[in-house]
Each structure stands twice: as C-alpha cells, then as structure tokens.
Amino acid sequence: MATTSAYAAAAGGEAAARRTLLRPRPPPPRLAFLSRTPARGASISQPTGLHRAAAAAEGRTGMGVGSEEEGPAWVELEPIGSDEQLDRALAAAQQRGAPIVLLWTASWCRKCIYLKPKLEKLAAEYYPRILFYCVDVNAVPQKLVNRAGVTKMPSIQTWSDSQKQGEVIGGHKSWLVIDDVRKMIEQEE
C-alpha cells in the first residue's frame, strides 16, 4: 500500500484546484444568449447602401425594387487643425458656390461627443453639395477659435464667402440642435 506525504497530497489538491479554475465557466444566465450559436440563416443586417455597394463590386445590377442610387448612411466629418486648412476649405467652398458647416468641439465636452454622430448622419443627407468639418478647439491655435467667435461648445456654424453666416449653440437636446442646423443650412441654400 502506497502512502503519500501530506506535502504531496496538498500539491495534488492544489493542482486539481488549478485545473478547475482553468476550465471555462458557463456564462451567467442573463448573458447566456452570447454563447449560443446563431440560428441558421440569421445574419447581421447592413444598410441598403452597403448591400448595393457589394453588389456593384461583384458586377450585379438590377437589384429590383428601390434600386435607385442612395447616398452614404453617414459621412465622417473632416478635421481642421490650422488656419491654412480652414482657408483651403473656405476657398474650395467658394469655388463650388456652396456653404460649409463647421462643428466646434472639445474632447472633454460630453454634448459634443453625443452630437457628432448625429451630425455625421446629417452630413450624409447633404453630401456632396455641402461639406461638414470638425474643429477641436484644444488642438488648434487660439487665434483660429477667436477668428470664428466660438465661445461655447458645441457650436455649429455655416460659412460661405469666407464669412460666418449662422451659428447654433448645441447646449440642448441633440434632435433640437439637428433641426436648428437643418434650418440654418436651408436658409443658406
């Protein structure tokens, strides 16, 4: 009959305990849906524009009902980081004869963070006629902020002919801000 020392038994028990810790635990019941495999035929739906782009890349045409061309779902706001970049954007807008929209934000401003994706969706509605830009007031010279007359954030401004034409201060609900920006843009057009 073999006997084991207390030290060896403890080491064996410790190894067994370590093995149980390394085994994956099942997820808690409220998160169990994460571990299930998706049902057959289930997929993540994509916006129709992405489906159309994929079909065009594959050479398929005639997608059936609603095959007219749609614009993007959202447009990333182009960042402006200096006076020269703003002057170039204003000159390009003046050549096109269309205003531009500037979103003045700060990295610490929560309302700016919440408003930016909504403005990206709004930018998609007006793309490519009107271009939207984003300026982080902490990343640009103070001279540029003073030039635009920005005192509160988020500030959304329309500029045309190198002059500020309108401004909306976004200190209230985002859907109200978007409505005000839409009205401001339509007055410019």
N, C-alpha and C. Protein backbone atom coordinates (compact mmCIF):
# COMPACT_ATOMS: atom_id res chain seq x y z
N MET A 1 0.83 -1.16 0.00
CA MET A 1 0.00 0.00 0.00
C MET A 1 0.89 1.24 0.00
N ALA A 2 0.64 2.11 -0.96
CA ALA A 2 1.48 3.29 -1.08
C ALA A 2 0.92 4.40 -0.22
N THR A 3 1.80 5.05 0.41
CA THR A 3 1.39 6.20 1.21
C THR A 3 1.96 7.45 0.58
N THR A 4 1.26 8.54 0.71
CA THR A 4 1.75 9.81 0.19
C THR A 4 1.96 10.76 1.35
N SER A 5 2.90 11.62 1.19
CA SER A 5 3.14 12.58 2.25
C SER A 5 2.06 13.66 2.20
N ALA A 6 1.95 14.38 3.26
CA ALA A 6 0.96 15.46 3.34
C ALA A 6 1.29 16.54 2.32
N TYR A 7 2.60 16.76 2.09
CA TYR A 7 3.02 17.76 1.12
C TYR A 7 2.60 17.37 -0.30
N ALA A 8 2.77 16.10 -0.65
CA ALA A 8 2.39 15.63 -1.98
C ALA A 8 0.89 15.67 -2.16
N ALA A 9 0.14 15.34 -1.12
CA ALA A 9 -1.32 15.38 -1.20
C ALA A 9 -1.80 16.81 -1.38
N ALA A 10 -1.17 17.71 -0.66
CA ALA A 10 -1.56 19.12 -0.78
C ALA A 10 -1.23 19.63 -2.18
N ALA A 11 -0.08 19.23 -2.71
CA ALA A 11 0.30 19.66 -4.05
C ALA A 11 -0.66 19.11 -5.09
N GLY A 12 -1.10 17.86 -4.92
CA GLY A 12 -2.06 17.27 -5.84
C GLY A 12 -3.40 17.97 -5.76
N GLY A 13 -3.82 18.33 -4.55
CA GLY A 13 -5.08 19.05 -4.38
C GLY A 13 -5.01 20.44 -4.99
N GLU A 14 -3.84 21.06 -4.87
CA GLU A 14 -3.66 22.38 -5.43
C GLU A 14 -3.71 22.33 -6.96
N ALA A 15 -3.12 21.28 -7.53
CA ALA A 15 -3.16 21.12 -8.99
C ALA A 15 -4.59 20.89 -9.47
N ALA A 16 -5.36 20.12 -8.70
CA ALA A 16 -6.76 19.89 -9.07
C ALA A 16 -7.54 21.18 -8.98
N ALA A 17 -7.28 21.97 -7.97
CA ALA A 17 -7.97 23.26 -7.83
C ALA A 17 -7.61 24.18 -8.99
N ARG A 18 -6.32 24.16 -9.41
CA ARG A 18 -5.89 24.99 -10.51
C ARG A 18 -6.57 24.56 -11.81
N ARG A 19 -6.75 23.23 -12.01
CA ARG A 19 -7.43 22.74 -13.21
C ARG A 19 -8.87 23.20 -13.25
N THR A 20 -9.55 23.22 -12.09
CA THR A 20 -10.94 23.67 -12.09
C THR A 20 -11.03 25.16 -12.38
N LEU A 21 -10.01 25.92 -11.98
CA LEU A 21 -10.03 27.35 -12.28
C LEU A 21 -9.79 27.61 -13.76
N LEU A 22 -9.04 26.75 -14.42
CA LEU A 22 -8.74 26.95 -15.83
C LEU A 22 -9.85 26.52 -16.76
N ARG A 23 -10.77 25.70 -16.27
CA ARG A 23 -11.90 25.28 -17.10
C ARG A 23 -12.81 26.48 -17.35
N PRO A 24 -13.26 26.65 -18.56
CA PRO A 24 -14.16 27.78 -18.82
C PRO A 24 -15.49 27.59 -18.10
N ARG A 25 -15.90 28.65 -17.49
CA ARG A 25 -17.19 28.62 -16.80
C ARG A 25 -18.29 28.97 -17.78
N PRO A 26 -19.46 28.41 -17.58
CA PRO A 26 -20.58 28.83 -18.44
C PRO A 26 -20.96 30.26 -18.09
N PRO A 27 -21.45 31.02 -19.08
CA PRO A 27 -21.82 32.41 -18.80
C PRO A 27 -23.00 32.45 -17.84
N PRO A 28 -23.13 33.56 -17.09
CA PRO A 28 -24.30 33.70 -16.23
C PRO A 28 -25.57 33.64 -17.07
N PRO A 29 -26.69 33.26 -16.46
CA PRO A 29 -27.92 33.08 -17.23
C PRO A 29 -28.33 34.32 -18.04
N ARG A 30 -28.10 35.50 -17.51
CA ARG A 30 -28.55 36.69 -18.24
C ARG A 30 -27.69 36.96 -19.46
N LEU A 31 -26.49 36.35 -19.56
CA LEU A 31 -25.62 36.53 -20.72
C LEU A 31 -25.52 35.25 -21.55
N ALA A 32 -26.36 34.29 -21.26
CA ALA A 32 -26.28 33.01 -21.95
C ALA A 32 -26.49 33.15 -23.46
N PHE A 33 -27.23 34.15 -23.89
CA PHE A 33 -27.50 34.32 -25.31
C PHE A 33 -26.22 34.60 -26.09
N LEU A 34 -25.19 35.09 -25.41
CA LEU A 34 -23.93 35.39 -26.09
C LEU A 34 -23.19 34.12 -26.51
N SER A 35 -23.40 33.03 -25.77
CA SER A 35 -22.66 31.82 -26.08
C SER A 35 -23.39 30.92 -27.07
N ARG A 36 -24.63 31.23 -27.37
CA ARG A 36 -25.38 30.41 -28.32
C ARG A 36 -24.92 30.68 -29.74
N THR A 37 -24.96 29.67 -30.55
CA THR A 37 -24.63 29.86 -31.96
C THR A 37 -25.83 30.48 -32.66
N PRO A 38 -25.62 31.33 -33.64
CA PRO A 38 -26.74 31.96 -34.31
C PRO A 38 -27.60 30.94 -35.05
N ALA A 39 -28.87 31.25 -35.15
CA ALA A 39 -29.81 30.37 -35.85
C ALA A 39 -29.43 30.31 -37.32
N ARG A 40 -29.79 29.25 -37.95
CA ARG A 40 -29.47 29.07 -39.37
C ARG A 40 -30.15 30.16 -40.18
N GLY A 41 -29.39 30.81 -41.02
CA GLY A 41 -29.95 31.87 -41.86
C GLY A 41 -29.96 33.23 -41.19
N ALA A 42 -29.58 33.30 -39.91
CA ALA A 42 -29.55 34.58 -39.23
C ALA A 42 -28.32 35.35 -39.67
N SER A 43 -28.48 36.64 -39.85
CA SER A 43 -27.33 37.45 -40.23
C SER A 43 -27.51 38.84 -39.66
N ILE A 44 -26.44 39.56 -39.65
CA ILE A 44 -26.49 40.95 -39.22
C ILE A 44 -26.91 41.76 -40.42
N SER A 45 -27.94 42.58 -40.25
CA SER A 45 -28.40 43.35 -41.39
C SER A 45 -27.52 44.57 -41.58
N GLN A 46 -27.28 44.93 -42.82
CA GLN A 46 -26.49 46.09 -43.18
C GLN A 46 -27.38 47.08 -43.87
N PRO A 47 -27.00 48.36 -43.80
CA PRO A 47 -27.78 49.36 -44.53
C PRO A 47 -27.81 49.01 -46.02
N THR A 48 -28.89 49.41 -46.67
CA THR A 48 -29.07 49.05 -48.07
C THR A 48 -27.95 49.56 -48.94
N GLY A 49 -27.37 50.70 -48.61
CA GLY A 49 -26.27 51.22 -49.40
C GLY A 49 -25.10 50.27 -49.43
N LEU A 50 -24.84 49.59 -48.32
CA LEU A 50 -23.73 48.66 -48.28
C LEU A 50 -24.03 47.44 -49.15
N HIS A 51 -25.28 46.98 -49.13
CA HIS A 51 -25.65 45.87 -49.99
C HIS A 51 -25.48 46.25 -51.46
N ARG A 52 -25.88 47.47 -51.79
CA ARG A 52 -25.75 47.91 -53.18
C ARG A 52 -24.29 48.02 -53.58
N ALA A 53 -23.46 48.52 -52.66
CA ALA A 53 -22.04 48.65 -52.97
C ALA A 53 -21.41 47.28 -53.18
N ALA A 54 -21.80 46.31 -52.36
CA ALA A 54 -21.27 44.95 -52.51
C ALA A 54 -21.73 44.34 -53.83
N ALA A 55 -22.97 44.58 -54.20
CA ALA A 55 -23.49 44.05 -55.46
C ALA A 55 -22.78 44.70 -56.64
N ALA A 56 -22.53 45.99 -56.55
CA ALA A 56 -21.84 46.68 -57.64
C ALA A 56 -20.41 46.17 -57.77
N ALA A 57 -19.78 45.87 -56.64
CA ALA A 57 -18.42 45.36 -56.68
C ALA A 57 -18.37 43.98 -57.33
N GLU A 58 -19.43 43.21 -57.14
CA GLU A 58 -19.50 41.88 -57.74
C GLU A 58 -20.01 41.91 -59.17
N GLY A 59 -20.42 43.10 -59.65
CA GLY A 59 -20.88 43.22 -61.02
C GLY A 59 -22.36 42.92 -61.17
N ARG A 60 -23.10 42.79 -60.06
CA ARG A 60 -24.54 42.54 -60.17
C ARG A 60 -25.26 43.87 -60.33
N THR A 61 -26.28 43.91 -61.14
CA THR A 61 -27.10 45.10 -61.32
C THR A 61 -28.55 44.68 -61.28
N GLY A 62 -29.44 45.66 -61.33
CA GLY A 62 -30.87 45.35 -61.34
C GLY A 62 -31.29 44.69 -60.03
N MET A 63 -31.13 45.42 -58.95
CA MET A 63 -31.40 44.85 -57.64
C MET A 63 -32.89 44.80 -57.31
N GLY A 64 -33.72 45.16 -58.27
CA GLY A 64 -35.16 45.05 -58.02
C GLY A 64 -35.73 46.34 -57.47
N VAL A 65 -36.73 46.20 -56.60
CA VAL A 65 -37.44 47.34 -56.06
C VAL A 65 -36.48 48.24 -55.31
N GLY A 66 -36.58 49.54 -55.54
CA GLY A 66 -35.75 50.50 -54.83
C GLY A 66 -34.30 50.48 -55.27
N SER A 67 -34.04 50.24 -56.54
CA SER A 67 -32.66 50.14 -56.99
C SER A 67 -32.05 51.50 -57.32
N GLU A 68 -32.78 52.61 -57.06
CA GLU A 68 -32.19 53.91 -57.31
C GLU A 68 -31.01 54.12 -56.35
N GLU A 69 -30.08 54.91 -56.77
CA GLU A 69 -28.85 55.11 -56.02
C GLU A 69 -29.12 55.94 -54.77
N GLU A 70 -28.62 55.46 -53.65
CA GLU A 70 -28.73 56.19 -52.39
C GLU A 70 -27.35 56.64 -51.99
N GLY A 71 -27.30 57.71 -51.18
CA GLY A 71 -26.03 58.19 -50.68
C GLY A 71 -25.59 57.39 -49.48
N PRO A 72 -24.48 57.80 -48.88
CA PRO A 72 -23.98 57.09 -47.70
C PRO A 72 -24.89 57.29 -46.50
N ALA A 73 -24.79 56.38 -45.54
CA ALA A 73 -25.59 56.49 -44.32
C ALA A 73 -25.04 57.56 -43.39
N TRP A 74 -23.74 57.75 -43.41
CA TRP A 74 -23.10 58.80 -42.63
C TRP A 74 -21.80 59.19 -43.31
N VAL A 75 -21.35 60.41 -43.03
CA VAL A 75 -20.12 60.93 -43.61
C VAL A 75 -19.25 61.43 -42.46
N GLU A 76 -18.04 60.91 -42.40
CA GLU A 76 -17.14 61.34 -41.34
C GLU A 76 -16.78 62.81 -41.54
N LEU A 77 -16.84 63.58 -40.45
CA LEU A 77 -16.52 65.00 -40.52
C LEU A 77 -15.02 65.17 -40.71
N GLU A 78 -14.66 65.96 -41.70
CA GLU A 78 -13.24 66.20 -41.99
C GLU A 78 -12.65 67.10 -40.91
N PRO A 79 -11.53 66.69 -40.30
CA PRO A 79 -10.94 67.53 -39.24
C PRO A 79 -10.18 68.72 -39.82
N ILE A 80 -10.25 69.83 -39.11
CA ILE A 80 -9.47 71.02 -39.45
C ILE A 80 -8.57 71.30 -38.26
N GLY A 81 -7.28 71.48 -38.53
CA GLY A 81 -6.32 71.65 -37.44
C GLY A 81 -5.51 72.92 -37.51
N SER A 82 -5.77 73.78 -38.52
CA SER A 82 -4.99 75.02 -38.62
C SER A 82 -5.76 76.06 -39.43
N ASP A 83 -5.24 77.30 -39.39
CA ASP A 83 -5.83 78.38 -40.19
C ASP A 83 -5.76 78.06 -41.68
N GLU A 84 -4.65 77.47 -42.11
CA GLU A 84 -4.46 77.16 -43.52
C GLU A 84 -5.49 76.15 -44.01
N GLN A 85 -5.77 75.13 -43.19
CA GLN A 85 -6.77 74.13 -43.59
C GLN A 85 -8.15 74.77 -43.69
N LEU A 86 -8.48 75.65 -42.75
CA LEU A 86 -9.78 76.33 -42.81
C LEU A 86 -9.85 77.21 -44.06
N ASP A 87 -8.78 77.93 -44.36
CA ASP A 87 -8.78 78.79 -45.55
C ASP A 87 -8.94 77.96 -46.83
N ARG A 88 -8.27 76.80 -46.89
CA ARG A 88 -8.42 75.91 -48.07
C ARG A 88 -9.86 75.42 -48.20
N ALA A 89 -10.48 75.03 -47.07
CA ALA A 89 -11.87 74.55 -47.10
C ALA A 89 -12.81 75.67 -47.55
N LEU A 90 -12.57 76.88 -47.05
CA LEU A 90 -13.42 78.02 -47.45
C LEU A 90 -13.23 78.37 -48.92
N ALA A 91 -11.99 78.29 -49.41
CA ALA A 91 -11.73 78.58 -50.83
C ALA A 91 -12.40 77.54 -51.72
N ALA A 92 -12.32 76.27 -51.34
CA ALA A 92 -12.97 75.22 -52.12
C ALA A 92 -14.48 75.39 -52.13
N ALA A 93 -15.04 75.78 -50.99
CA ALA A 93 -16.49 76.01 -50.90
C ALA A 93 -16.90 77.19 -51.76
N GLN A 94 -16.07 78.22 -51.79
CA GLN A 94 -16.38 79.39 -52.60
C GLN A 94 -16.34 79.04 -54.09
N GLN A 95 -15.42 78.18 -54.49
CA GLN A 95 -15.37 77.74 -55.89
C GLN A 95 -16.61 76.94 -56.26
N ARG A 96 -17.07 76.10 -55.33
CA ARG A 96 -18.27 75.29 -55.59
C ARG A 96 -19.54 76.12 -55.46
N GLY A 97 -19.45 77.25 -54.79
CA GLY A 97 -20.63 78.08 -54.58
C GLY A 97 -21.57 77.52 -53.53
N ALA A 98 -21.02 76.80 -52.58
CA ALA A 98 -21.83 76.18 -51.53
C ALA A 98 -21.23 76.50 -50.16
N PRO A 99 -22.05 76.58 -49.14
CA PRO A 99 -21.50 76.83 -47.81
C PRO A 99 -20.86 75.57 -47.22
N ILE A 100 -20.11 75.76 -46.14
CA ILE A 100 -19.60 74.62 -45.38
C ILE A 100 -20.14 74.72 -43.97
N VAL A 101 -20.15 73.61 -43.28
CA VAL A 101 -20.62 73.56 -41.89
C VAL A 101 -19.44 73.16 -41.02
N LEU A 102 -19.19 73.95 -39.97
CA LEU A 102 -18.11 73.67 -39.03
C LEU A 102 -18.70 73.30 -37.68
N LEU A 103 -18.25 72.19 -37.15
CA LEU A 103 -18.61 71.78 -35.79
C LEU A 103 -17.40 72.05 -34.91
N TRP A 104 -17.58 72.93 -33.94
CA TRP A 104 -16.52 73.26 -32.99
C TRP A 104 -16.75 72.42 -31.74
N THR A 105 -15.78 71.57 -31.43
CA THR A 105 -15.93 70.65 -30.30
C THR A 105 -14.71 70.73 -29.38
N ALA A 106 -14.83 70.03 -28.27
CA ALA A 106 -13.71 69.83 -27.36
C ALA A 106 -13.75 68.38 -26.91
N SER A 107 -12.59 67.82 -26.68
CA SER A 107 -12.53 66.40 -26.31
C SER A 107 -13.17 66.13 -24.96
N TRP A 108 -13.27 67.12 -24.10
CA TRP A 108 -13.83 66.95 -22.77
C TRP A 108 -15.34 67.24 -22.74
N CYS A 109 -15.89 67.71 -23.84
CA CYS A 109 -17.30 68.13 -23.90
C CYS A 109 -18.20 66.94 -24.23
N ARG A 110 -19.00 66.54 -23.27
CA ARG A 110 -19.86 65.38 -23.46
C ARG A 110 -20.93 65.61 -24.52
N LYS A 111 -21.51 66.80 -24.54
CA LYS A 111 -22.54 67.08 -25.55
C LYS A 111 -21.96 67.07 -26.96
N CYS A 112 -20.69 67.47 -27.07
CA CYS A 112 -20.01 67.42 -28.38
C CYS A 112 -19.88 65.97 -28.84
N ILE A 113 -19.52 65.10 -27.90
CA ILE A 113 -19.33 63.69 -28.23
C ILE A 113 -20.64 63.06 -28.66
N TYR A 114 -21.74 63.42 -27.99
CA TYR A 114 -23.05 62.87 -28.34
C TYR A 114 -23.58 63.43 -29.66
N LEU A 115 -23.22 64.68 -29.95
CA LEU A 115 -23.77 65.35 -31.13
C LEU A 115 -23.06 64.96 -32.43
N LYS A 116 -21.80 64.64 -32.35
CA LYS A 116 -21.01 64.38 -33.57
C LYS A 116 -21.59 63.28 -34.45
N PRO A 117 -21.97 62.09 -33.91
CA PRO A 117 -22.55 61.07 -34.82
C PRO A 117 -23.85 61.51 -35.49
N LYS A 118 -24.62 62.32 -34.80
CA LYS A 118 -25.87 62.81 -35.38
C LYS A 118 -25.58 63.80 -36.52
N LEU A 119 -24.54 64.59 -36.35
CA LEU A 119 -24.15 65.50 -37.43
C LEU A 119 -23.55 64.73 -38.60
N GLU A 120 -22.90 63.61 -38.33
CA GLU A 120 -22.37 62.79 -39.43
C GLU A 120 -23.51 62.21 -40.26
N LYS A 121 -24.61 61.86 -39.62
CA LYS A 121 -25.78 61.40 -40.38
C LYS A 121 -26.40 62.55 -41.17
N LEU A 122 -26.45 63.73 -40.56
CA LEU A 122 -26.98 64.90 -41.26
C LEU A 122 -26.08 65.25 -42.44
N ALA A 123 -24.78 65.11 -42.27
CA ALA A 123 -23.84 65.40 -43.36
C ALA A 123 -24.09 64.48 -44.55
N ALA A 124 -24.53 63.26 -44.29
CA ALA A 124 -24.83 62.32 -45.37
C ALA A 124 -26.02 62.79 -46.19
N GLU A 125 -26.96 63.47 -45.57
CA GLU A 125 -28.13 63.98 -46.30
C GLU A 125 -27.73 65.06 -47.31
N TYR A 126 -26.74 65.87 -46.95
CA TYR A 126 -26.34 66.99 -47.81
C TYR A 126 -25.10 66.69 -48.65
N TYR A 127 -24.52 65.51 -48.50
CA TYR A 127 -23.31 65.16 -49.21
C TYR A 127 -23.62 64.91 -50.68
N PRO A 128 -22.89 65.36 -51.63
CA PRO A 128 -21.65 66.14 -51.63
C PRO A 128 -21.85 67.63 -51.81
N ARG A 129 -23.09 68.11 -51.81
CA ARG A 129 -23.33 69.55 -52.01
C ARG A 129 -22.66 70.39 -50.94
N ILE A 130 -22.90 70.03 -49.67
CA ILE A 130 -22.36 70.79 -48.54
C ILE A 130 -21.44 69.86 -47.75
N LEU A 131 -20.24 70.34 -47.48
CA LEU A 131 -19.28 69.56 -46.72
C LEU A 131 -19.25 70.00 -45.26
N PHE A 132 -19.09 69.03 -44.39
CA PHE A 132 -19.07 69.26 -42.95
C PHE A 132 -17.65 69.04 -42.44
N TYR A 133 -17.21 69.91 -41.54
CA TYR A 133 -15.88 69.83 -40.96
C TYR A 133 -16.00 69.87 -39.44
N CYS A 134 -14.96 69.36 -38.79
CA CYS A 134 -14.92 69.32 -37.32
C CYS A 134 -13.63 69.99 -36.86
N VAL A 135 -13.73 70.86 -35.86
CA VAL A 135 -12.57 71.55 -35.32
C VAL A 135 -12.54 71.29 -33.82
N ASP A 136 -11.44 70.71 -33.33
CA ASP A 136 -11.26 70.51 -31.90
C ASP A 136 -10.56 71.74 -31.35
N VAL A 137 -11.23 72.50 -30.48
CA VAL A 137 -10.69 73.77 -30.00
C VAL A 137 -9.42 73.58 -29.18
N ASN A 138 -9.21 72.41 -28.62
CA ASN A 138 -8.00 72.15 -27.85
C ASN A 138 -6.80 71.83 -28.74
N ALA A 139 -7.03 71.53 -30.02
CA ALA A 139 -5.96 71.12 -30.92
C ALA A 139 -5.59 72.19 -31.95
N VAL A 140 -6.27 73.33 -31.92
CA VAL A 140 -5.99 74.39 -32.89
C VAL A 140 -5.50 75.63 -32.14
N PRO A 141 -4.83 76.53 -32.84
CA PRO A 141 -4.40 77.78 -32.19
C PRO A 141 -5.61 78.61 -31.73
N GLN A 142 -5.43 79.32 -30.64
CA GLN A 142 -6.50 80.15 -30.09
C GLN A 142 -6.91 81.23 -31.08
N LYS A 143 -5.99 81.65 -31.94
CA LYS A 143 -6.29 82.65 -32.95
C LYS A 143 -7.42 82.19 -33.87
N LEU A 144 -7.43 80.90 -34.21
CA LEU A 144 -8.48 80.34 -35.08
C LEU A 144 -9.83 80.34 -34.36
N VAL A 145 -9.82 79.98 -33.09
CA VAL A 145 -11.06 79.97 -32.30
C VAL A 145 -11.61 81.39 -32.18
N ASN A 146 -10.73 82.36 -31.95
CA ASN A 146 -11.17 83.75 -31.85
C ASN A 146 -11.69 84.27 -33.19
N ARG A 147 -11.05 83.85 -34.28
CA ARG A 147 -11.49 84.26 -35.62
C ARG A 147 -12.93 83.84 -35.88
N ALA A 148 -13.28 82.64 -35.40
CA ALA A 148 -14.64 82.14 -35.61
C ALA A 148 -15.63 82.66 -34.57
N GLY A 149 -15.12 83.27 -33.52
CA GLY A 149 -16.02 83.80 -32.48
C GLY A 149 -16.67 82.72 -31.65
N VAL A 150 -15.97 81.61 -31.45
CA VAL A 150 -16.53 80.50 -30.68
C VAL A 150 -16.34 80.78 -29.19
N THR A 151 -17.43 80.72 -28.45
CA THR A 151 -17.36 80.93 -27.00
C THR A 151 -17.91 79.74 -26.23
N LYS A 152 -18.79 78.97 -26.85
CA LYS A 152 -19.41 77.82 -26.19
C LYS A 152 -19.34 76.61 -27.11
N MET A 153 -19.36 75.44 -26.48
CA MET A 153 -19.33 74.21 -27.26
C MET A 153 -20.47 73.30 -26.86
N PRO A 154 -20.97 72.52 -27.81
CA PRO A 154 -20.62 72.53 -29.23
C PRO A 154 -21.24 73.71 -29.95
N SER A 155 -20.51 74.26 -30.90
CA SER A 155 -21.00 75.33 -31.77
C SER A 155 -20.98 74.79 -33.19
N ILE A 156 -22.07 74.99 -33.89
CA ILE A 156 -22.15 74.58 -35.29
C ILE A 156 -22.37 75.85 -36.11
N GLN A 157 -21.48 76.08 -37.07
CA GLN A 157 -21.53 77.32 -37.86
C GLN A 157 -21.59 77.00 -39.34
N THR A 158 -22.31 77.86 -40.07
CA THR A 158 -22.25 77.80 -41.54
C THR A 158 -21.39 78.96 -42.00
N TRP A 159 -20.53 78.66 -42.96
CA TRP A 159 -19.65 79.67 -43.54
C TRP A 159 -19.82 79.65 -45.05
N SER A 160 -19.90 80.83 -45.63
CA SER A 160 -19.86 80.95 -47.09
C SER A 160 -19.21 82.29 -47.41
N ASP A 161 -18.54 82.37 -48.54
CA ASP A 161 -17.80 83.57 -48.95
C ASP A 161 -16.80 84.00 -47.86
N SER A 162 -16.18 83.01 -47.21
CA SER A 162 -15.18 83.22 -46.16
C SER A 162 -15.70 84.02 -44.96
N GLN A 163 -17.00 83.97 -44.75
CA GLN A 163 -17.61 84.69 -43.63
C GLN A 163 -18.56 83.76 -42.89
N LYS A 164 -18.64 83.94 -41.59
CA LYS A 164 -19.60 83.16 -40.81
C LYS A 164 -20.99 83.71 -41.08
N GLN A 165 -21.91 82.81 -41.48
CA GLN A 165 -23.26 83.22 -41.84
C GLN A 165 -24.29 82.90 -40.76
N GLY A 166 -24.08 81.83 -40.02
CA GLY A 166 -25.03 81.44 -38.99
C GLY A 166 -24.36 80.56 -37.96
N GLU A 167 -25.01 80.45 -36.80
CA GLU A 167 -24.43 79.66 -35.72
C GLU A 167 -25.54 79.08 -34.86
N VAL A 168 -25.33 77.84 -34.44
CA VAL A 168 -26.22 77.17 -33.48
C VAL A 168 -25.33 76.69 -32.34
N ILE A 169 -25.71 77.05 -31.14
CA ILE A 169 -25.01 76.56 -29.95
C ILE A 169 -25.76 75.32 -29.49
N GLY A 170 -25.05 74.19 -29.38
CA GLY A 170 -25.71 72.91 -29.10
C GLY A 170 -25.79 72.55 -27.64
N GLY A 171 -26.34 73.40 -26.81
CA GLY A 171 -26.42 73.10 -25.39
C GLY A 171 -27.71 72.43 -24.97
N HIS A 172 -28.57 72.06 -25.91
CA HIS A 172 -29.83 71.41 -25.54
C HIS A 172 -29.94 70.06 -26.25
N LYS A 173 -31.11 69.49 -26.28
CA LYS A 173 -31.31 68.14 -26.85
C LYS A 173 -30.78 68.07 -28.28
N SER A 174 -30.14 66.94 -28.60
CA SER A 174 -29.47 66.82 -29.90
C SER A 174 -30.44 66.90 -31.07
N TRP A 175 -31.65 66.35 -30.92
CA TRP A 175 -32.59 66.41 -32.05
C TRP A 175 -33.03 67.84 -32.31
N LEU A 176 -33.08 68.68 -31.27
CA LEU A 176 -33.40 70.09 -31.48
C LEU A 176 -32.25 70.81 -32.18
N VAL A 177 -31.03 70.46 -31.80
CA VAL A 177 -29.85 71.06 -32.43
C VAL A 177 -29.82 70.69 -33.91
N ILE A 178 -30.07 69.43 -34.22
CA ILE A 178 -30.05 68.97 -35.62
C ILE A 178 -31.12 69.71 -36.42
N ASP A 179 -32.30 69.89 -35.84
CA ASP A 179 -33.35 70.64 -36.53
C ASP A 179 -32.91 72.08 -36.80
N ASP A 180 -32.28 72.71 -35.79
CA ASP A 180 -31.80 74.09 -35.96
C ASP A 180 -30.72 74.16 -37.03
N VAL A 181 -29.83 73.19 -37.06
CA VAL A 181 -28.76 73.16 -38.07
C VAL A 181 -29.37 72.97 -39.46
N ARG A 182 -30.36 72.09 -39.56
CA ARG A 182 -31.02 71.86 -40.85
C ARG A 182 -31.67 73.16 -41.35
N LYS A 183 -32.35 73.90 -40.45
CA LYS A 183 -32.96 75.17 -40.84
C LYS A 183 -31.91 76.18 -41.27
N MET A 184 -30.79 76.21 -40.54
CA MET A 184 -29.71 77.14 -40.85
C MET A 184 -29.13 76.84 -42.24
N ILE A 185 -28.97 75.56 -42.56
CA ILE A 185 -28.42 75.16 -43.87
C ILE A 185 -29.40 75.54 -44.97
N GLU A 186 -30.68 75.29 -44.76
CA GLU A 186 -31.68 75.58 -45.79
C GLU A 186 -31.80 77.08 -46.04
N GLN A 187 -31.53 77.91 -45.02
CA GLN A 187 -31.53 79.36 -45.24
C GLN A 187 -30.37 79.78 -46.12
N GLU A 188 -29.25 79.06 -46.01
CA GLU A 188 -28.05 79.37 -46.79
C GLU A 188 -28.22 78.97 -48.25
N GLU A 189 -28.93 77.90 -48.51
CA GLU A 189 -29.04 77.38 -49.89
C GLU A 189 -29.93 78.20 -50.73
